[in-house]
């Protein structure tokens, strides 16, 4: 066989070996191949859902606090206008808590294995927050009714019940916000762990 023919036959082999070497250079040590696309997509979805839940939790906590602050400003005053303002604020808090519950449910369903427990905790806390804000709204609606129809004493009792319910709502939403922040941080760690090349885990 002539040297020319030999070079002709070896050329495809050289190209193949070059491609293999290039692939090896672009694969992390200890990892046979890059993370599959579905894993990256799952991680992105989990991270996005966790961030959404965290944001919704902060908004719910802020709305509950705003309603509680408004109710305290009205302490000792029997006014339909003030009671209506508290009711509107309580409704915003209840709506924010409902959004939180929805976002928390989505986050729990998309959570990575390492962050599932934290995501479920957010889901549980969000349900408590939703129930607490719904109770506060109910109390605020009753207070509004009493401010227009009942005696001053009864109206003040209704307003006090609203304040107490809103304080509980603040506590519940803050607890949910704390759980959501923790879950979001755990999701980031779970993604780092999933992206870490096999065999490089810390001992």
Protein backbone atom coordinates (compact mmCIF):
# COMPACT_ATOMS: atom_id res chain seq x y z
CA UNK A 1 0.00 0.00 0.00
CA UNK A 2 1.40 3.42 -0.92
CA UNK A 3 1.90 6.13 1.65
CA UNK A 4 -0.66 8.24 -0.16
CA UNK A 5 -3.35 5.57 0.20
CA UNK A 6 -2.42 5.08 3.86
CA UNK A 7 -2.83 8.78 4.57
CA UNK A 8 -6.21 8.70 2.82
CA UNK A 9 -7.42 5.85 5.05
CA UNK A 10 -6.11 7.39 8.27
CA UNK A 11 -7.64 10.83 7.71
CA UNK A 12 -11.20 9.89 8.91
CA UNK A 13 -9.71 8.20 11.96
CA UNK A 14 -7.82 11.36 12.88
CA UNK A 15 -10.99 13.43 12.60
CA UNK A 16 -12.88 10.99 14.84
CA UNK A 17 -10.13 11.00 17.47
CA UNK A 18 -10.06 14.79 17.40
CA UNK A 19 -13.82 14.95 18.03
CA UNK A 20 -13.53 12.56 20.96
CA UNK A 21 -10.72 14.61 22.49
CA UNK A 22 -12.75 17.81 22.11
CA UNK A 23 -15.75 16.24 23.86
CA UNK A 24 -13.55 15.03 26.69
CA UNK A 25 -12.07 18.50 27.19
CA UNK A 26 -15.57 19.96 27.55
CA UNK A 27 -16.77 17.42 30.11
CA UNK A 28 -16.12 18.15 33.76
CA UNK A 29 -13.70 15.78 35.53
CA UNK A 30 -15.48 12.90 37.22
CA UNK A 31 -18.55 13.37 35.04
CA UNK A 32 -19.14 11.23 31.99
CA UNK A 33 -21.42 13.74 30.30
CA UNK A 34 -23.02 17.15 30.92
CA UNK A 35 -26.23 17.27 32.96
CA UNK A 36 -29.19 16.30 30.76
CA UNK A 37 -31.46 19.11 29.58
CA UNK A 38 -34.42 17.85 31.57
CA UNK A 39 -32.39 18.21 34.80
CA UNK A 40 -31.47 21.78 34.01
CA UNK A 41 -35.08 22.57 33.13
CA UNK A 42 -36.31 21.00 36.37
CA UNK A 43 -33.76 22.98 38.35
CA UNK A 44 -34.72 26.23 36.63
CA UNK A 45 -38.41 25.56 37.23
CA UNK A 46 -37.82 24.74 40.90
CA UNK A 47 -35.71 27.85 41.42
CA UNK A 48 -38.23 30.11 39.70
CA UNK A 49 -41.13 28.64 41.69
CA UNK A 50 -39.23 29.04 44.97
CA UNK A 51 -38.44 32.68 44.19
CA UNK A 52 -42.08 33.35 43.27
CA UNK A 53 -43.23 31.83 46.56
CA UNK A 54 -40.70 33.88 48.51
CA UNK A 55 -41.85 37.09 46.81
CA UNK A 56 -45.52 36.24 47.40
CA UNK A 57 -44.77 35.52 51.07
CA UNK A 58 -43.10 38.90 51.54
CA UNK A 59 -46.04 40.64 49.88
CA UNK A 60 -48.51 38.78 52.10
CA UNK A 61 -46.55 39.69 55.23
CA UNK A 62 -46.36 43.34 54.16
CA UNK A 63 -50.09 43.45 53.41
CA UNK A 64 -50.99 41.89 56.75
CA UNK A 65 -48.76 44.36 58.59
CA UNK A 66 -50.30 47.29 56.71
CA UNK A 67 -53.77 46.14 57.71
CA UNK A 68 -52.73 45.65 61.33
CA UNK A 69 -51.15 49.12 61.42
CA UNK A 70 -54.32 50.64 59.99
CA UNK A 71 -56.44 48.90 62.61
CA UNK A 72 -54.21 50.21 65.42
CA UNK A 73 -54.57 53.76 64.13
CA UNK A 74 -58.32 53.37 64.52
CA UNK A 75 -58.06 52.19 68.14
CA UNK A 76 -60.58 53.98 70.37
CA UNK A 77 -62.40 55.50 67.42
CA UNK A 78 -65.74 54.27 66.14
CA UNK A 79 -65.96 55.36 62.54
CA UNK A 80 -67.50 53.67 59.54
CA UNK A 81 -64.85 55.26 57.30
CA UNK A 82 -62.03 53.92 59.45
CA UNK A 83 -63.64 50.49 59.67
CA UNK A 84 -64.02 50.44 55.90
CA UNK A 85 -60.34 51.29 55.51
CA UNK A 86 -59.37 48.40 57.76
CA UNK A 87 -61.68 46.06 55.85
CA UNK A 88 -60.09 47.00 52.52
CA UNK A 89 -56.61 46.49 53.95
CA UNK A 90 -57.65 43.13 55.41
CA UNK A 91 -59.02 42.08 52.03
CA UNK A 92 -55.72 42.93 50.36
CA UNK A 93 -53.93 40.83 52.96
CA UNK A 94 -56.29 37.92 52.37
CA UNK A 95 -55.83 38.15 48.60
CA UNK A 96 -52.05 38.28 49.00
CA UNK A 97 -52.16 35.21 51.24
CA UNK A 98 -54.24 33.36 48.66
CA UNK A 99 -51.63 34.14 46.01
CA UNK A 100 -48.96 32.91 48.39
CA UNK A 101 -50.81 29.63 48.90
CA UNK A 102 -50.99 29.14 45.12
CA UNK A 103 -47.30 29.93 44.61
CA UNK A 104 -46.30 27.69 47.51
CA UNK A 105 -48.27 24.79 46.04
CA UNK A 106 -46.52 25.24 42.70
CA UNK A 107 -43.13 25.44 44.40
CA UNK A 108 -43.79 22.24 46.35
CA UNK A 109 -44.75 20.38 43.18
CA UNK A 110 -41.59 21.50 41.34
CA UNK A 111 -39.08 21.29 44.18
CA UNK A 112 -35.89 19.29 43.75
CA UNK A 113 -35.40 16.28 46.00
CA UNK A 114 -33.03 18.11 48.35
CA UNK A 115 -35.46 21.00 48.86
CA UNK A 116 -38.81 19.18 48.89
CA UNK A 117 -39.10 19.19 52.67
CA UNK A 118 -38.50 22.94 52.85
CA UNK A 119 -41.00 23.56 50.04
CA UNK A 120 -43.64 21.50 51.81
CA UNK A 121 -43.02 23.56 54.95
CA UNK A 122 -43.79 26.71 52.95
CA UNK A 123 -46.96 25.09 51.66
CA UNK A 124 -48.07 24.29 55.21
CA UNK A 125 -47.25 27.76 56.51
CA UNK A 126 -48.98 29.41 53.55
CA UNK A 127 -52.20 27.55 54.36
CA UNK A 128 -52.03 28.80 57.93
CA UNK A 129 -51.41 32.34 56.69
CA UNK A 130 -54.32 32.11 54.29
CA UNK A 131 -56.64 30.90 57.04
CA UNK A 132 -55.45 33.62 59.43
CA UNK A 133 -55.95 36.43 56.93
CA UNK A 134 -59.37 35.07 55.95
CA UNK A 135 -60.36 35.14 59.63
CA UNK A 136 -59.08 38.71 59.95
CA UNK A 137 -61.09 39.76 56.91
CA UNK A 138 -64.21 38.21 58.38
CA UNK A 139 -63.61 40.11 61.63
CA UNK A 140 -63.03 43.34 59.72
CA UNK A 141 -66.29 42.91 57.84
CA UNK A 142 -68.10 42.35 61.11
CA UNK A 143 -66.43 45.42 62.58
CA UNK A 144 -67.61 47.52 59.65
CA UNK A 145 -71.14 46.29 60.16
CA UNK A 146 -71.00 47.03 63.90
CA UNK A 147 -69.65 50.52 63.31
CA UNK A 148 -72.80 51.38 61.41
CA UNK A 149 -75.45 49.47 63.33
CA UNK A 150 -74.30 48.67 66.89
CA UNK A 151 -73.54 50.68 69.99
CA UNK A 152 -70.13 52.27 70.48
CA UNK A 153 -69.17 49.59 72.99
CA UNK A 154 -70.08 46.73 70.65
CA UNK A 155 -68.37 48.46 67.74
CA UNK A 156 -65.17 48.80 69.77
CA UNK A 157 -65.30 45.13 70.77
CA UNK A 158 -65.62 44.18 67.11
CA UNK A 159 -62.70 46.45 66.22
CA UNK A 160 -60.59 44.89 68.98
CA UNK A 161 -61.39 41.42 67.66
CA UNK A 162 -60.26 42.60 64.23
CA UNK A 163 -56.98 43.91 65.61
CA UNK A 164 -56.29 40.62 67.37
CA UNK A 165 -57.08 38.64 64.23
CA UNK A 166 -54.83 40.87 62.14
CA UNK A 167 -51.98 40.45 64.64
CA UNK A 168 -52.34 36.68 64.23
CA UNK A 169 -52.33 37.14 60.46
CA UNK A 170 -49.10 39.13 60.69
CA UNK A 171 -47.50 36.36 62.73
CA UNK A 172 -48.68 33.67 60.31
CA UNK A 173 -47.56 35.51 57.18
CA UNK A 174 -44.16 36.32 58.69
CA UNK A 175 -43.70 32.66 59.54
CA UNK A 176 -44.58 31.77 55.95
CA UNK A 177 -42.15 34.39 54.64
CA UNK A 178 -39.35 32.97 56.79
CA UNK A 179 -40.09 29.45 55.56
CA UNK A 180 -40.18 30.67 51.95
CA UNK A 181 -36.81 32.40 52.28
CA UNK A 182 -35.33 29.21 53.72
CA UNK A 183 -36.82 27.10 50.92
CA UNK A 184 -35.47 29.46 48.29
CA UNK A 185 -31.97 29.21 49.78
CA UNK A 186 -32.22 25.42 49.97
CA UNK A 187 -33.27 25.29 46.33
CA UNK A 188 -30.13 27.19 45.33
CA UNK A 189 -28.04 24.70 47.29
CA UNK A 190 -29.91 21.78 45.74
CA UNK A 191 -29.17 23.12 42.26
CA UNK A 192 -25.47 23.49 43.11
CA UNK A 193 -25.45 19.92 44.39
CA UNK A 194 -27.18 18.63 41.26
CA UNK A 195 -24.71 20.45 39.01
CA UNK A 196 -21.67 19.20 40.91
CA UNK A 197 -19.70 16.56 38.95
CA UNK A 198 -20.07 13.03 40.23
CA UNK A 199 -17.37 12.02 42.73
CA UNK A 200 -16.64 15.61 43.85
CA UNK A 201 -19.05 15.74 46.81
CA UNK A 202 -17.56 17.06 49.99
CA UNK A 203 -16.66 14.36 52.46
